[in-house]
Amino acid sequence: MLVGDGKIIEISGSIKSSNEIEIINLPKLTLLPGLMDAHVHLIGNTDLKG
């Protein structure tokens, strides 16, 4: 993932590196958006249709 000015610029498996880019390798971690609610309940209200 390429980030610039605090925003995601590109998501790719082959971003070209340069002297201006810092590469951080995190192969076993999961990236979540900052405002994502990771605490959800997928069961409970059975009235929902969809």
N, C-alpha and C. Protein backbone atom coordinates (compact mmCIF):
# COMPACT_ATOMS: atom_id res chain seq x y z
N MET A 1 0.85 -1.17 0.00
CA MET A 1 0.00 0.00 0.00
C MET A 1 0.89 1.23 0.00
N LEU A 2 0.59 2.17 -0.84
CA LEU A 2 1.34 3.41 -0.94
C LEU A 2 0.52 4.52 -0.28
N VAL A 3 1.13 5.18 0.71
CA VAL A 3 0.46 6.24 1.46
C VAL A 3 1.22 7.54 1.24
N GLY A 4 0.49 8.62 1.03
CA GLY A 4 1.10 9.93 0.89
C GLY A 4 0.21 10.99 1.50
N ASP A 5 0.77 11.85 2.30
CA ASP A 5 0.02 12.91 2.99
C ASP A 5 -1.13 12.35 3.82
N GLY A 6 -0.91 11.17 4.42
CA GLY A 6 -1.92 10.56 5.28
C GLY A 6 -3.07 9.91 4.56
N LYS A 7 -2.96 9.75 3.23
CA LYS A 7 -4.03 9.14 2.44
C LYS A 7 -3.50 7.96 1.65
N ILE A 8 -4.35 6.96 1.44
CA ILE A 8 -3.98 5.82 0.60
C ILE A 8 -3.97 6.27 -0.85
N ILE A 9 -2.82 6.09 -1.50
CA ILE A 9 -2.67 6.49 -2.90
C ILE A 9 -2.84 5.28 -3.83
N GLU A 10 -2.28 4.15 -3.41
CA GLU A 10 -2.32 2.96 -4.27
C GLU A 10 -2.25 1.70 -3.41
N ILE A 11 -2.98 0.68 -3.82
CA ILE A 11 -2.88 -0.64 -3.20
C ILE A 11 -2.49 -1.60 -4.31
N SER A 12 -1.33 -2.22 -4.14
CA SER A 12 -0.80 -3.09 -5.19
C SER A 12 0.22 -4.05 -4.59
N GLY A 13 0.42 -5.16 -5.25
CA GLY A 13 1.46 -6.09 -4.84
C GLY A 13 2.80 -5.79 -5.47
N SER A 14 2.86 -4.74 -6.29
CA SER A 14 4.11 -4.44 -6.99
C SER A 14 4.34 -2.93 -7.12
N ILE A 15 4.40 -2.24 -6.00
CA ILE A 15 4.69 -0.80 -6.01
C ILE A 15 6.19 -0.63 -6.17
N LYS A 16 6.60 0.19 -7.13
CA LYS A 16 8.02 0.41 -7.39
C LYS A 16 8.63 1.26 -6.29
N SER A 17 9.77 0.83 -5.78
CA SER A 17 10.43 1.58 -4.71
C SER A 17 11.34 2.65 -5.28
N SER A 18 11.60 3.65 -4.46
CA SER A 18 12.53 4.72 -4.82
C SER A 18 13.16 5.25 -3.54
N ASN A 19 14.08 6.18 -3.66
CA ASN A 19 14.73 6.75 -2.49
C ASN A 19 13.77 7.56 -1.63
N GLU A 20 12.65 7.99 -2.19
CA GLU A 20 11.68 8.82 -1.48
C GLU A 20 10.64 7.99 -0.72
N ILE A 21 10.67 6.67 -0.88
CA ILE A 21 9.66 5.80 -0.28
C ILE A 21 10.29 4.96 0.82
N GLU A 22 9.65 4.95 1.99
CA GLU A 22 10.07 4.06 3.08
C GLU A 22 9.21 2.80 2.99
N ILE A 23 9.86 1.65 2.92
CA ILE A 23 9.15 0.38 2.82
C ILE A 23 9.08 -0.26 4.20
N ILE A 24 7.87 -0.59 4.63
CA ILE A 24 7.65 -1.29 5.90
C ILE A 24 7.00 -2.61 5.55
N ASN A 25 7.68 -3.71 5.83
CA ASN A 25 7.20 -5.04 5.48
C ASN A 25 6.44 -5.64 6.66
N LEU A 26 5.14 -5.88 6.50
CA LEU A 26 4.29 -6.44 7.55
C LEU A 26 3.52 -7.63 7.00
N PRO A 27 4.20 -8.74 6.68
CA PRO A 27 3.55 -9.84 5.96
C PRO A 27 2.50 -10.62 6.75
N LYS A 28 2.54 -10.61 8.08
CA LYS A 28 1.61 -11.44 8.84
C LYS A 28 0.55 -10.61 9.57
N LEU A 29 0.40 -9.35 9.19
CA LEU A 29 -0.56 -8.48 9.85
C LEU A 29 -1.72 -8.15 8.92
N THR A 30 -2.82 -7.71 9.48
CA THR A 30 -4.00 -7.32 8.72
C THR A 30 -4.18 -5.82 8.86
N LEU A 31 -4.38 -5.15 7.76
CA LEU A 31 -4.60 -3.71 7.75
C LEU A 31 -6.09 -3.41 7.79
N LEU A 32 -6.52 -2.61 8.78
CA LEU A 32 -7.91 -2.21 8.90
C LEU A 32 -8.02 -0.70 8.76
N PRO A 33 -9.04 -0.21 8.06
CA PRO A 33 -9.24 1.24 8.00
C PRO A 33 -9.45 1.81 9.40
N GLY A 34 -9.03 3.03 9.61
CA GLY A 34 -9.08 3.65 10.93
C GLY A 34 -10.47 3.79 11.52
N LEU A 35 -11.50 3.93 10.71
CA LEU A 35 -12.85 4.12 11.24
C LEU A 35 -13.70 2.87 11.16
N MET A 36 -13.09 1.73 10.92
CA MET A 36 -13.85 0.48 10.83
C MET A 36 -14.21 -0.01 12.23
N ASP A 37 -15.44 -0.46 12.40
CA ASP A 37 -15.87 -1.03 13.67
C ASP A 37 -15.53 -2.51 13.66
N ALA A 38 -14.45 -2.88 14.33
CA ALA A 38 -14.01 -4.27 14.35
C ALA A 38 -14.81 -5.11 15.34
N HIS A 39 -15.65 -4.48 16.16
CA HIS A 39 -16.47 -5.20 17.14
C HIS A 39 -17.90 -5.27 16.61
N VAL A 40 -18.22 -6.35 15.95
CA VAL A 40 -19.56 -6.52 15.39
C VAL A 40 -20.15 -7.86 15.84
N HIS A 41 -21.46 -7.93 15.88
CA HIS A 41 -22.16 -9.16 16.19
C HIS A 41 -22.91 -9.59 14.94
N LEU A 42 -22.60 -10.76 14.44
CA LEU A 42 -23.20 -11.23 13.20
C LEU A 42 -24.46 -12.04 13.43
N ILE A 43 -24.84 -12.23 14.71
CA ILE A 43 -26.08 -12.94 15.02
C ILE A 43 -26.88 -12.09 16.00
N GLY A 44 -28.14 -12.37 16.14
CA GLY A 44 -28.95 -11.64 17.11
C GLY A 44 -30.30 -11.27 16.54
N ASN A 45 -30.37 -10.29 15.66
CA ASN A 45 -31.63 -9.84 15.09
C ASN A 45 -32.00 -10.73 13.91
N THR A 46 -32.96 -11.61 14.11
CA THR A 46 -33.35 -12.53 13.03
C THR A 46 -34.40 -11.93 12.10
N ASP A 47 -34.84 -10.69 12.37
CA ASP A 47 -35.84 -10.04 11.52
C ASP A 47 -35.23 -9.43 10.27
N LEU A 48 -33.93 -9.34 10.20
CA LEU A 48 -33.28 -8.72 9.05
C LEU A 48 -33.37 -9.64 7.84
N LYS A 49 -33.73 -9.10 6.73
CA LYS A 49 -33.83 -9.86 5.48
C LYS A 49 -32.83 -9.27 4.49
N GLY A 50 -32.23 -10.10 3.66
CA GLY A 50 -31.34 -9.53 2.68
C GLY A 50 -30.38 -10.42 2.06
